[in-house]
PDB file of N, CA and C in Angstrom:
ATOM      1  N   UNK A   1      29.590  52.557  62.148  1.00  0.00           N
ATOM      2  CA  UNK A   1      30.549  52.220  61.989  1.00  0.00           C
ATOM      3  C   UNK A   1      30.864  50.523  61.873  1.00  0.00           C
ATOM      4  N   UNK A   2      30.545  49.577  60.992  1.00  0.00           N
ATOM      5  CA  UNK A   2      30.248  48.695  61.119  1.00  0.00           C
ATOM      6  C   UNK A   2      31.475  47.568  60.599  1.00  0.00           C
ATOM      7  N   UNK A   3      31.338  46.597  61.697  1.00  0.00           N
ATOM      8  CA  UNK A   3      33.012  45.672  61.172  1.00  0.00           C
ATOM      9  C   UNK A   3      32.358  44.517  61.704  1.00  0.00           C
ATOM     10  N   UNK A   4      32.574  43.536  60.573  1.00  0.00           N
ATOM     11  CA  UNK A   4      32.175  42.569  60.300  1.00  0.00           C
ATOM     12  C   UNK A   4      32.475  41.224  61.081  1.00  0.00           C
ATOM     13  N   UNK A   5      32.701  40.758  61.608  1.00  0.00           N
ATOM     14  CA  UNK A   5      32.734  39.639  62.203  1.00  0.00           C
ATOM     15  C   UNK A   5      32.529  37.996  61.566  1.00  0.00           C
ATOM     16  N   UNK A   6      33.362  37.730  60.414  1.00  0.00           N
ATOM     17  CA  UNK A   6      32.864  35.804  60.336  1.00  0.00           C
ATOM     18  C   UNK A   6      33.103  34.711  60.632  1.00  0.00           C
ATOM     19  N   UNK A   7      32.173  33.764  60.795  1.00  0.00           N
ATOM     20  CA  UNK A   7      32.323  32.338  61.322  1.00  0.00           C
ATOM     21  C   UNK A   7      33.650  32.060  60.854  1.00  0.00           C
ATOM     22  N   UNK A   8      34.401  31.528  61.571  1.00  0.00           N
ATOM     23  CA  UNK A   8      35.938  30.866  61.367  1.00  0.00           C
ATOM     24  C   UNK A   8      37.189  31.683  61.411  1.00  0.00           C
ATOM     25  N   UNK A   9      36.720  33.395  62.030  1.00  0.00           N
ATOM     26  CA  UNK A   9      37.996  33.984  61.828  1.00  0.00           C
ATOM     27  C   UNK A   9      38.614  33.811  62.323  1.00  0.00           C
ATOM     28  N   UNK A  10      40.118  34.080  62.286  1.00  0.00           N
ATOM     29  CA  UNK A  10      41.589  33.400  63.023  1.00  0.00           C
ATOM     30  C   UNK A  10      41.236  34.645  64.305  1.00  0.00           C
ATOM     31  N   UNK A  11      42.374  34.765  65.068  1.00  0.00           N
ATOM     32  CA  UNK A  11      42.877  34.912  66.454  1.00  0.00           C
ATOM     33  C   UNK A  11      42.909  36.451  66.038  1.00  0.00           C
ATOM     34  N   UNK A  12      44.291  36.485  65.004  1.00  0.00           N
ATOM     35  CA  UNK A  12      44.723  37.945  64.640  1.00  0.00           C
ATOM     36  C   UNK A  12      43.254  38.498  63.992  1.00  0.00           C
ATOM     37  N   UNK A  13      42.535  38.378  62.913  1.00  0.00           N
ATOM     38  CA  UNK A  13      41.202  38.916  62.978  1.00  0.00           C
ATOM     39  C   UNK A  13      40.587  39.480  63.725  1.00  0.00           C
ATOM     40  N   UNK A  14      40.065  38.450  64.598  1.00  0.00           N
ATOM     41  CA  UNK A  14      39.484  39.193  65.780  1.00  0.00           C
ATOM     42  C   UNK A  14      40.468  40.455  66.714  1.00  0.00           C
ATOM     43  N   UNK A  15      41.081  39.940  66.873  1.00  0.00           N
ATOM     44  CA  UNK A  15      42.045  41.145  67.411  1.00  0.00           C
ATOM     45  C   UNK A  15      42.144  42.691  66.634  1.00  0.00           C
ATOM     46  N   UNK A  16      42.406  42.641  65.497  1.00  0.00           N
ATOM     47  CA  UNK A  16      41.926  43.920  64.739  1.00  0.00           C
ATOM     48  C   UNK A  16      40.926  44.253  64.678  1.00  0.00           C
ATOM     49  N   UNK A  17      39.885  43.744  64.780  1.00  0.00           N
ATOM     50  CA  UNK A  17      38.222  44.307  65.247  1.00  0.00           C
ATOM     51  C   UNK A  17      38.577  44.753  66.422  1.00  0.00           C
ATOM     52  N   UNK A  18      38.809  44.137  67.095  1.00  0.00           N
ATOM     53  CA  UNK A  18      38.460  45.117  68.774  1.00  0.00           C
ATOM     54  C   UNK A  18      39.514  46.279  68.729  1.00  0.00           C
ATOM     55  N   UNK A  19      40.490  46.057  68.833  1.00  0.00           N
ATOM     56  CA  UNK A  19      41.254  47.598  68.177  1.00  0.00           C
ATOM     57  C   UNK A  19      40.618  48.101  67.519  1.00  0.00           C
ATOM     58  N   UNK A  20      39.773  48.468  66.189  1.00  0.00           N
ATOM     59  CA  UNK A  20      39.335  49.467  65.809  1.00  0.00           C
ATOM     60  C   UNK A  20      38.342  49.975  66.210  1.00  0.00           C
ATOM     61  N   UNK A  21      37.386  48.730  66.716  1.00  0.00           N
ATOM     62  CA  UNK A  21      36.457  48.956  68.093  1.00  0.00           C
ATOM     63  C   UNK A  21      36.726  49.882  68.911  1.00  0.00           C
ATOM     64  N   UNK A  22      38.142  49.873  69.711  1.00  0.00           N
ATOM     65  CA  UNK A  22      38.615  50.575  70.740  1.00  0.00           C
ATOM     66  C   UNK A  22      38.943  52.138  70.710  1.00  0.00           C
ATOM     67  N   UNK A  23      39.207  52.376  69.437  1.00  0.00           N
ATOM     68  CA  UNK A  23      39.818  53.667  68.418  1.00  0.00           C
ATOM     69  C   UNK A  23      38.472  54.514  68.561  1.00  0.00           C
ATOM     70  N   UNK A  24      37.552  54.425  67.922  1.00  0.00           N
ATOM     71  CA  UNK A  24      36.333  55.303  67.983  1.00  0.00           C
ATOM     72  C   UNK A  24      36.254  55.705  69.313  1.00  0.00           C
ATOM     73  N   UNK A  25      35.470  57.092  69.139  1.00  0.00           N
ATOM     74  CA  UNK A  25      36.035  57.620  69.989  1.00  0.00           C
ATOM     75  C   UNK A  25      33.912  58.665  69.928  1.00  0.00           C
ATOM     76  N   UNK A  26      33.513  58.381  71.264  1.00  0.00           N
ATOM     77  CA  UNK A  26      31.963  59.156  71.067  1.00  0.00           C
ATOM     78  C   UNK A  26      31.482  60.325  71.376  1.00  0.00           C
ATOM     79  N   UNK A  27      30.771  60.716  71.150  1.00  0.00           N
ATOM     80  CA  UNK A  27      30.120  62.154  72.073  1.00  0.00           C
ATOM     81  C   UNK A  27      29.849  62.018  74.049  1.00  0.00           C
ATOM     82  N   UNK A  28      30.652  62.781  74.475  1.00  0.00           N
ATOM     83  CA  UNK A  28      29.915  62.849  75.624  1.00  0.00           C
ATOM     84  C   UNK A  28      28.933  63.766  76.259  1.00  0.00           C
ATOM     85  N   UNK A  29      27.670  62.347  76.541  1.00  0.00           N
ATOM     86  CA  UNK A  29      26.167  63.506  76.240  1.00  0.00           C
ATOM     87  C   UNK A  29      26.063  63.872  77.581  1.00  0.00           C
ATOM     88  N   UNK A  30      26.765  63.069  78.796  1.00  0.00           N
ATOM     89  CA  UNK A  30      26.272  63.891  79.882  1.00  0.00           C
ATOM     90  C   UNK A  30      27.141  64.952  79.745  1.00  0.00           C
ATOM     91  N   UNK A  31      27.503  65.324  79.823  1.00  0.00           N
ATOM     92  CA  UNK A  31      27.919  67.123  79.806  1.00  0.00           C
ATOM     93  C   UNK A  31      26.633  67.964  79.161  1.00  0.00           C
ATOM     94  N   UNK A  32      25.680  67.430  78.713  1.00  0.00           N
ATOM     95  CA  UNK A  32      24.512  68.494  78.078  1.00  0.00           C
ATOM     96  C   UNK A  32      23.554  68.148  78.842  1.00  0.00           C
ATOM     97  N   UNK A  33      23.844  66.626  80.125  1.00  0.00           N
ATOM     98  CA  UNK A  33      22.538  66.455  80.331  1.00  0.00           C
ATOM     99  C   UNK A  33      21.871  67.698  81.651  1.00  0.00           C
ATOM    100  N   UNK A  34      20.630  67.877  82.200  1.00  0.00           N
ATOM    101  CA  UNK A  34      19.558  69.321  82.333  1.00  0.00           C
ATOM    102  C   UNK A  34      19.873  70.261  81.926  1.00  0.00           C
ATOM    103  N   UNK A  35      20.930  70.815  80.689  1.00  0.00           N
ATOM    104  CA  UNK A  35      21.005  71.757  80.292  1.00  0.00           C
ATOM    105  C   UNK A  35      19.707  72.579  79.699  1.00  0.00           C
ATOM    106  N   UNK A  36      18.713  71.998  79.284  1.00  0.00           N
ATOM    107  CA  UNK A  36      17.361  72.636  78.645  1.00  0.00           C
ATOM    108  C   UNK A  36      16.562  73.058  79.724  1.00  0.00           C
ATOM    109  N   UNK A  37      16.207  73.745  79.164  1.00  0.00           N
ATOM    110  CA  UNK A  37      14.634  74.488  80.174  1.00  0.00           C
ATOM    111  C   UNK A  37      13.855  74.061  78.939  1.00  0.00           C
ATOM    112  N   UNK A  38      12.913  73.222  79.750  1.00  0.00           N
ATOM    113  CA  UNK A  38      11.712  73.298  79.073  1.00  0.00           C
ATOM    114  C   UNK A  38      10.409  74.042  79.675  1.00  0.00           C
ATOM    115  N   UNK A  39       9.886  74.079  78.567  1.00  0.00           N
ATOM    116  CA  UNK A  39       8.110  74.806  79.047  1.00  0.00           C
ATOM    117  C   UNK A  39       7.153  74.028  79.087  1.00  0.00           C
ATOM    118  N   UNK A  40       7.500  72.608  78.481  1.00  0.00           N
ATOM    119  CA  UNK A  40       6.482  71.643  78.298  1.00  0.00           C
ATOM    120  C   UNK A  40       6.773  70.282  79.074  1.00  0.00           C
ATOM    121  N   UNK A  41       6.201  69.429  79.503  1.00  0.00           N
ATOM    122  CA  UNK A  41       6.343  67.945  79.945  1.00  0.00           C
ATOM    123  C   UNK A  41       7.632  67.502  78.458  1.00  0.00           C
ATOM    124  N   UNK A  42       8.518  66.849  79.075  1.00  0.00           N
ATOM    125  CA  UNK A  42       8.946  66.029  78.004  1.00  0.00           C
ATOM    126  C   UNK A  42       8.073  64.897  77.389  1.00  0.00           C
ATOM    127  N   UNK A  43       7.215  63.861  77.921  1.00  0.00           N
ATOM    128  CA  UNK A  43       6.431  63.056  77.376  1.00  0.00           C
ATOM    129  C   UNK A  43       5.578  63.829  76.818  1.00  0.00           C
ATOM    130  N   UNK A  44       4.862  64.788  76.692  1.00  0.00           N
ATOM    131  CA  UNK A  44       4.261  65.818  75.869  1.00  0.00           C
ATOM    132  C   UNK A  44       4.482  65.829  74.419  1.00  0.00           C
ATOM    133  N   UNK A  45       5.536  66.413  74.845  1.00  0.00           N
ATOM    134  CA  UNK A  45       6.923  66.807  73.749  1.00  0.00           C
ATOM    135  C   UNK A  45       6.745  65.506  72.459  1.00  0.00           C
ATOM    136  N   UNK A  46       6.852  64.383  73.080  1.00  0.00           N
ATOM    137  CA  UNK A  46       6.899  63.164  72.520  1.00  0.00           C
ATOM    138  C   UNK A  46       6.024  62.087  71.811  1.00  0.00           C
ATOM    139  N   UNK A  47       4.885  62.638  72.780  1.00  0.00           N
ATOM    140  CA  UNK A  47       3.746  62.263  72.158  1.00  0.00           C
ATOM    141  C   UNK A  47       3.302  63.052  71.076  1.00  0.00           C
ATOM    142  N   UNK A  48       3.528  64.244  70.998  1.00  0.00           N
ATOM    143  CA  UNK A  48       2.895  64.828  69.612  1.00  0.00           C
ATOM    144  C   UNK A  48       3.804  64.738  68.221  1.00  0.00           C
TER     145      UNK A  48
END
């Protein structure tokens, strides 16, 4: 999502943009941390 804030925007416009940014929910990636069992070194995989 891209929100454009133009130079000279009013206080109300800035508040509306900040409200739109707060509504957006992301994915909780922490719950997936350490769950994959790799047979190879991660750095070697990245270099491929």
